Amino acid sequence: MSKLKLKEIKEKLIEERDTILSKLSANDLSVDDSETPDPVDLAVRNYSKNVMLAVSENESKQLTLINEALERIEDDEYGLCQNCESEINPKRLNAVPWARYCLDCQQLLEQGLLDE
C-alpha cells in the first residue's frame, strides 16, 4: 500500500477516533431518581440509560479496533489479514479502515469457525 494512501487512511482513523471520543465524553449516564416522581418516567429514563450504555459499549469496541488499526499502520502490518496474512482488499479497507480480516476470514469469524 502506498505511503500516500496509508497517510489518508491514518487521518481517517484518527478523525473517527476523535469523533467517538467526543461522543463518549459527552454522554451523561447519570439518572437522578430523587427528581422522578412518576415510576413511568423513571422507567423511561432507565431505558434511555440502557440504550446509551449499549451505544457506548459499541463505540468503545470500535475505538479499540481503530487504535489497533493505527498500531498496525505504525508496525507496517496494516492491510494484511490477521488470520491468513493475505492482503485485505483496498475497497474493504476504504469502507472499513479498521478491518482486521479479509472477507473470507471475516465470514469464517462470523460463522464462529475462527477464533478472534
N, C-alpha and C. Protein backbone atom coordinates (compact mmCIF):
# COMPACT_ATOMS: atom_id res chain seq x y z
N MET A 1 0.85 -1.17 0.00
CA MET A 1 0.00 0.00 0.00
C MET A 1 0.90 1.24 0.00
N SER A 2 0.51 2.24 -0.79
CA SER A 2 1.35 3.43 -0.92
C SER A 2 1.34 4.27 0.36
N LYS A 3 2.41 5.01 0.54
CA LYS A 3 2.54 5.87 1.72
C LYS A 3 1.44 6.93 1.75
N LEU A 4 1.08 7.45 0.57
CA LEU A 4 0.03 8.46 0.48
C LEU A 4 -1.31 7.88 0.93
N LYS A 5 -1.62 6.69 0.46
CA LYS A 5 -2.87 6.04 0.84
C LYS A 5 -2.88 5.72 2.34
N LEU A 6 -1.76 5.25 2.87
CA LEU A 6 -1.67 4.98 4.31
C LEU A 6 -1.88 6.25 5.12
N LYS A 7 -1.32 7.35 4.66
CA LYS A 7 -1.49 8.62 5.37
C LYS A 7 -2.96 9.03 5.37
N GLU A 8 -3.61 8.83 4.23
CA GLU A 8 -5.04 9.15 4.10
C GLU A 8 -5.88 8.30 5.06
N ILE A 9 -5.58 7.01 5.11
CA ILE A 9 -6.31 6.09 5.99
C ILE A 9 -6.05 6.44 7.45
N LYS A 10 -4.81 6.75 7.77
CA LYS A 10 -4.46 7.11 9.15
C LYS A 10 -5.24 8.35 9.58
N GLU A 11 -5.32 9.35 8.71
CA GLU A 11 -6.08 10.56 9.03
C GLU A 11 -7.56 10.24 9.23
N LYS A 12 -8.09 9.35 8.41
CA LYS A 12 -9.50 8.93 8.53
C LYS A 12 -9.73 8.22 9.87
N LEU A 13 -8.81 7.36 10.24
CA LEU A 13 -8.92 6.63 11.51
C LEU A 13 -8.84 7.59 12.70
N ILE A 14 -7.93 8.53 12.64
CA ILE A 14 -7.78 9.49 13.73
C ILE A 14 -9.03 10.37 13.85
N GLU A 15 -9.58 10.76 12.72
CA GLU A 15 -10.81 11.57 12.73
C GLU A 15 -11.96 10.78 13.35
N GLU A 16 -12.09 9.52 12.96
CA GLU A 16 -13.14 8.67 13.52
C GLU A 16 -12.93 8.47 15.02
N ARG A 17 -11.69 8.25 15.42
CA ARG A 17 -11.37 8.08 16.85
C ARG A 17 -11.75 9.33 17.64
N ASP A 18 -11.42 10.50 17.11
CA ASP A 18 -11.75 11.75 17.79
C ASP A 18 -13.26 11.94 17.91
N THR A 19 -13.99 11.57 16.88
CA THR A 19 -15.45 11.67 16.90
C THR A 19 -16.03 10.78 17.99
N ILE A 20 -15.55 9.56 18.07
CA ILE A 20 -16.04 8.61 19.08
C ILE A 20 -15.69 9.11 20.48
N LEU A 21 -14.47 9.58 20.66
CA LEU A 21 -14.06 10.10 21.97
C LEU A 21 -14.93 11.28 22.40
N SER A 22 -15.28 12.13 21.46
CA SER A 22 -16.16 13.27 21.77
C SER A 22 -17.54 12.78 22.20
N LYS A 23 -18.06 11.79 21.49
CA LYS A 23 -19.37 11.24 21.85
C LYS A 23 -19.34 10.60 23.23
N LEU A 24 -18.31 9.83 23.49
CA LEU A 24 -18.21 9.14 24.77
C LEU A 24 -18.07 10.13 25.93
N SER A 25 -17.33 11.18 25.72
CA SER A 25 -17.15 12.15 26.81
C SER A 25 -18.39 13.00 27.02
N ALA A 26 -19.24 13.12 25.99
CA ALA A 26 -20.45 13.93 26.10
C ALA A 26 -21.62 13.17 26.73
N ASN A 27 -21.53 11.84 26.77
CA ASN A 27 -22.63 11.04 27.32
C ASN A 27 -22.70 11.20 28.83
N ASP A 28 -23.87 11.63 29.29
CA ASP A 28 -24.12 11.71 30.74
C ASP A 28 -25.08 10.59 31.08
N LEU A 29 -24.56 9.56 31.74
CA LEU A 29 -25.36 8.37 32.02
C LEU A 29 -25.98 8.39 33.41
N SER A 30 -25.89 9.51 34.10
CA SER A 30 -26.43 9.55 35.45
C SER A 30 -27.96 9.72 35.40
N VAL A 31 -28.61 9.10 36.35
CA VAL A 31 -30.06 9.23 36.50
C VAL A 31 -30.32 9.67 37.92
N ASP A 32 -30.95 10.82 38.07
CA ASP A 32 -31.27 11.34 39.40
C ASP A 32 -32.67 10.88 39.77
N ASP A 33 -32.74 9.82 40.58
CA ASP A 33 -34.02 9.24 40.96
C ASP A 33 -34.80 10.14 41.91
N SER A 34 -34.14 11.05 42.58
CA SER A 34 -34.82 11.89 43.57
C SER A 34 -35.81 12.86 42.91
N GLU A 35 -35.56 13.21 41.64
CA GLU A 35 -36.44 14.15 40.95
C GLU A 35 -37.48 13.44 40.10
N THR A 36 -37.59 12.15 40.17
CA THR A 36 -38.51 11.42 39.33
C THR A 36 -39.74 11.02 40.14
N PRO A 37 -40.81 11.77 40.01
CA PRO A 37 -41.99 11.48 40.82
C PRO A 37 -42.81 10.31 40.30
N ASP A 38 -42.65 9.99 39.06
CA ASP A 38 -43.51 9.00 38.42
C ASP A 38 -42.71 7.76 38.04
N PRO A 39 -43.20 6.55 38.38
CA PRO A 39 -42.49 5.32 38.00
C PRO A 39 -42.32 5.15 36.50
N VAL A 40 -43.27 5.67 35.72
CA VAL A 40 -43.16 5.58 34.25
C VAL A 40 -41.99 6.44 33.77
N ASP A 41 -41.87 7.64 34.34
CA ASP A 41 -40.74 8.50 33.98
C ASP A 41 -39.41 7.83 34.33
N LEU A 42 -39.39 7.20 35.49
CA LEU A 42 -38.17 6.51 35.91
C LEU A 42 -37.84 5.37 34.95
N ALA A 43 -38.86 4.63 34.53
CA ALA A 43 -38.64 3.52 33.59
C ALA A 43 -38.11 4.03 32.26
N VAL A 44 -38.65 5.16 31.79
CA VAL A 44 -38.19 5.74 30.53
C VAL A 44 -36.74 6.19 30.66
N ARG A 45 -36.42 6.82 31.78
CA ARG A 45 -35.03 7.26 31.99
C ARG A 45 -34.08 6.07 32.08
N ASN A 46 -34.49 5.02 32.77
CA ASN A 46 -33.64 3.83 32.87
C ASN A 46 -33.45 3.17 31.51
N TYR A 47 -34.53 3.11 30.72
CA TYR A 47 -34.44 2.54 29.38
C TYR A 47 -33.45 3.36 28.54
N SER A 48 -33.59 4.68 28.61
CA SER A 48 -32.68 5.56 27.85
C SER A 48 -31.24 5.36 28.29
N LYS A 49 -31.05 5.19 29.58
CA LYS A 49 -29.70 4.96 30.10
C LYS A 49 -29.14 3.64 29.55
N ASN A 50 -29.96 2.60 29.51
CA ASN A 50 -29.50 1.31 28.99
C ASN A 50 -29.15 1.39 27.51
N VAL A 51 -29.94 2.15 26.75
CA VAL A 51 -29.64 2.33 25.33
C VAL A 51 -28.32 3.06 25.17
N MET A 52 -28.12 4.11 25.96
CA MET A 52 -26.86 4.87 25.88
C MET A 52 -25.67 4.00 26.29
N LEU A 53 -25.86 3.14 27.28
CA LEU A 53 -24.78 2.24 27.69
C LEU A 53 -24.42 1.28 26.56
N ALA A 54 -25.43 0.75 25.88
CA ALA A 54 -25.18 -0.17 24.77
C ALA A 54 -24.45 0.54 23.64
N VAL A 55 -24.87 1.75 23.34
CA VAL A 55 -24.20 2.54 22.29
C VAL A 55 -22.76 2.83 22.71
N SER A 56 -22.56 3.20 23.97
CA SER A 56 -21.22 3.48 24.46
C SER A 56 -20.33 2.24 24.37
N GLU A 57 -20.89 1.08 24.68
CA GLU A 57 -20.12 -0.16 24.60
C GLU A 57 -19.69 -0.45 23.17
N ASN A 58 -20.62 -0.26 22.22
CA ASN A 58 -20.27 -0.46 20.81
C ASN A 58 -19.21 0.53 20.35
N GLU A 59 -19.35 1.77 20.77
CA GLU A 59 -18.36 2.78 20.39
C GLU A 59 -17.01 2.48 21.02
N SER A 60 -17.00 1.96 22.23
CA SER A 60 -15.75 1.58 22.88
C SER A 60 -15.06 0.45 22.14
N LYS A 61 -15.84 -0.52 21.67
CA LYS A 61 -15.27 -1.63 20.88
C LYS A 61 -14.69 -1.10 19.58
N GLN A 62 -15.43 -0.18 18.93
CA GLN A 62 -14.93 0.39 17.68
C GLN A 62 -13.66 1.19 17.93
N LEU A 63 -13.62 1.90 19.04
CA LEU A 63 -12.43 2.66 19.41
C LEU A 63 -11.21 1.74 19.55
N THR A 64 -11.41 0.58 20.16
CA THR A 64 -10.33 -0.39 20.30
C THR A 64 -9.85 -0.85 18.92
N LEU A 65 -10.80 -1.15 18.02
CA LEU A 65 -10.43 -1.59 16.67
C LEU A 65 -9.66 -0.50 15.92
N ILE A 66 -10.07 0.75 16.11
CA ILE A 66 -9.38 1.87 15.45
C ILE A 66 -7.96 2.00 15.99
N ASN A 67 -7.81 1.93 17.30
CA ASN A 67 -6.46 2.02 17.89
C ASN A 67 -5.57 0.88 17.43
N GLU A 68 -6.13 -0.32 17.31
CA GLU A 68 -5.36 -1.46 16.81
C GLU A 68 -4.93 -1.23 15.36
N ALA A 69 -5.83 -0.65 14.56
CA ALA A 69 -5.50 -0.36 13.16
C ALA A 69 -4.37 0.67 13.07
N LEU A 70 -4.44 1.68 13.93
CA LEU A 70 -3.36 2.68 13.95
C LEU A 70 -2.02 2.05 14.35
N GLU A 71 -2.06 1.10 15.28
CA GLU A 71 -0.84 0.38 15.67
C GLU A 71 -0.30 -0.44 14.50
N ARG A 72 -1.21 -1.09 13.74
CA ARG A 72 -0.77 -1.88 12.58
C ARG A 72 -0.12 -0.99 11.53
N ILE A 73 -0.63 0.23 11.38
CA ILE A 73 0.00 1.17 10.43
C ILE A 73 1.42 1.47 10.88
N GLU A 74 1.59 1.76 12.15
CA GLU A 74 2.92 2.07 12.69
C GLU A 74 3.87 0.89 12.58
N ASP A 75 3.34 -0.34 12.70
CA ASP A 75 4.16 -1.55 12.66
C ASP A 75 4.32 -2.11 11.25
N ASP A 76 3.85 -1.38 10.24
CA ASP A 76 3.89 -1.83 8.83
C ASP A 76 3.17 -3.16 8.63
N GLU A 77 2.09 -3.38 9.37
CA GLU A 77 1.31 -4.60 9.23
C GLU A 77 -0.11 -4.31 8.74
N TYR A 78 -0.39 -3.04 8.46
CA TYR A 78 -1.73 -2.65 8.06
C TYR A 78 -2.05 -3.20 6.67
N GLY A 79 -3.28 -3.67 6.52
CA GLY A 79 -3.73 -4.16 5.23
C GLY A 79 -3.54 -5.65 5.04
N LEU A 80 -2.98 -6.31 6.05
CA LEU A 80 -2.81 -7.76 5.99
C LEU A 80 -3.80 -8.43 6.93
N CYS A 81 -4.42 -9.49 6.47
CA CYS A 81 -5.38 -10.25 7.27
C CYS A 81 -4.65 -10.83 8.49
N GLN A 82 -5.25 -10.69 9.65
CA GLN A 82 -4.62 -11.19 10.88
C GLN A 82 -4.78 -12.71 11.02
N ASN A 83 -5.50 -13.33 10.11
CA ASN A 83 -5.62 -14.78 10.16
C ASN A 83 -4.75 -15.43 9.09
N CYS A 84 -5.03 -15.14 7.84
CA CYS A 84 -4.32 -15.83 6.75
C CYS A 84 -3.14 -15.02 6.21
N GLU A 85 -2.99 -13.78 6.66
CA GLU A 85 -1.90 -12.89 6.28
C GLU A 85 -1.91 -12.49 4.80
N SER A 86 -3.04 -12.72 4.11
CA SER A 86 -3.15 -12.23 2.74
C SER A 86 -3.56 -10.76 2.78
N GLU A 87 -3.41 -10.09 1.66
CA GLU A 87 -3.73 -8.66 1.60
C GLU A 87 -5.24 -8.47 1.63
N ILE A 88 -5.69 -7.53 2.45
CA ILE A 88 -7.12 -7.19 2.52
C ILE A 88 -7.43 -6.28 1.34
N ASN A 89 -8.55 -6.54 0.69
CA ASN A 89 -8.97 -5.77 -0.47
C ASN A 89 -9.00 -4.28 -0.12
N PRO A 90 -8.35 -3.43 -0.93
CA PRO A 90 -8.33 -1.99 -0.66
C PRO A 90 -9.73 -1.36 -0.56
N LYS A 91 -10.69 -1.90 -1.32
CA LYS A 91 -12.06 -1.38 -1.23
C LYS A 91 -12.65 -1.65 0.15
N ARG A 92 -12.33 -2.81 0.71
CA ARG A 92 -12.79 -3.13 2.06
C ARG A 92 -12.15 -2.19 3.08
N LEU A 93 -10.87 -1.94 2.93
CA LEU A 93 -10.17 -1.04 3.85
C LEU A 93 -10.68 0.39 3.72
N ASN A 94 -11.08 0.78 2.53
CA ASN A 94 -11.63 2.11 2.35
C ASN A 94 -12.97 2.24 3.06
N ALA A 95 -13.77 1.18 3.00
CA ALA A 95 -15.09 1.19 3.65
C ALA A 95 -14.98 0.99 5.16
N VAL A 96 -14.10 0.09 5.57
CA VAL A 96 -13.91 -0.24 6.99
C VAL A 96 -12.41 -0.21 7.28
N PRO A 97 -11.87 0.99 7.51
CA PRO A 97 -10.41 1.11 7.64
C PRO A 97 -9.83 0.37 8.85
N TRP A 98 -10.65 -0.04 9.78
CA TRP A 98 -10.16 -0.79 10.95
C TRP A 98 -10.31 -2.30 10.76
N ALA A 99 -10.64 -2.74 9.55
CA ALA A 99 -10.82 -4.17 9.27
C ALA A 99 -9.55 -4.95 9.60
N ARG A 100 -9.74 -6.08 10.28
CA ARG A 100 -8.61 -6.93 10.67
C ARG A 100 -8.48 -8.15 9.79
N TYR A 101 -9.56 -8.49 9.09
CA TYR A 101 -9.58 -9.73 8.33
C TYR A 101 -10.02 -9.48 6.89
N CYS A 102 -9.54 -10.33 5.99
CA CYS A 102 -10.04 -10.32 4.62
C CYS A 102 -11.49 -10.81 4.65
N LEU A 103 -12.20 -10.68 3.55
CA LEU A 103 -13.62 -11.05 3.53
C LEU A 103 -13.83 -12.52 3.86
N ASP A 104 -12.99 -13.40 3.33
CA ASP A 104 -13.15 -14.83 3.59
C ASP A 104 -12.99 -15.15 5.07
N CYS A 105 -11.97 -14.59 5.69
CA CYS A 105 -11.74 -14.85 7.12
C CYS A 105 -12.80 -14.17 7.98
N GLN A 106 -13.29 -13.01 7.55
CA GLN A 106 -14.36 -12.33 8.28
C GLN A 106 -15.62 -13.20 8.28
N GLN A 107 -15.90 -13.84 7.15
CA GLN A 107 -17.06 -14.74 7.09
C GLN A 107 -16.87 -15.93 8.02
N LEU A 108 -15.67 -16.47 8.06
CA LEU A 108 -15.38 -17.56 8.99
C LEU A 108 -15.58 -17.12 10.44
N LEU A 109 -15.15 -15.92 10.75
CA LEU A 109 -15.31 -15.37 12.10
C LEU A 109 -16.78 -15.24 12.45
N GLU A 110 -17.56 -14.71 11.53
CA GLU A 110 -18.99 -14.51 11.77
C GLU A 110 -19.74 -15.83 11.88
N GLN A 111 -19.23 -16.86 11.26
CA GLN A 111 -19.85 -18.19 11.35
C GLN A 111 -19.38 -18.95 12.59
N GLY A 112 -18.47 -18.35 13.34
CA GLY A 112 -17.94 -18.99 14.53
C GLY A 112 -16.89 -20.05 14.26
N LEU A 113 -16.33 -20.02 13.06
CA LEU A 113 -15.32 -21.00 12.67
C LEU A 113 -13.89 -20.50 12.82
N LEU A 114 -13.78 -19.28 13.34
CA LEU A 114 -12.46 -18.65 13.51
C LEU A 114 -12.44 -17.97 14.88
N ASP A 115 -11.38 -18.22 15.63
CA ASP A 115 -11.23 -17.56 16.93
C ASP A 115 -10.63 -16.19 16.73
N GLU A 116 -11.12 -15.22 17.51
CA GLU A 116 -10.58 -13.86 17.43
C GLU A 116 -9.23 -13.78 18.08
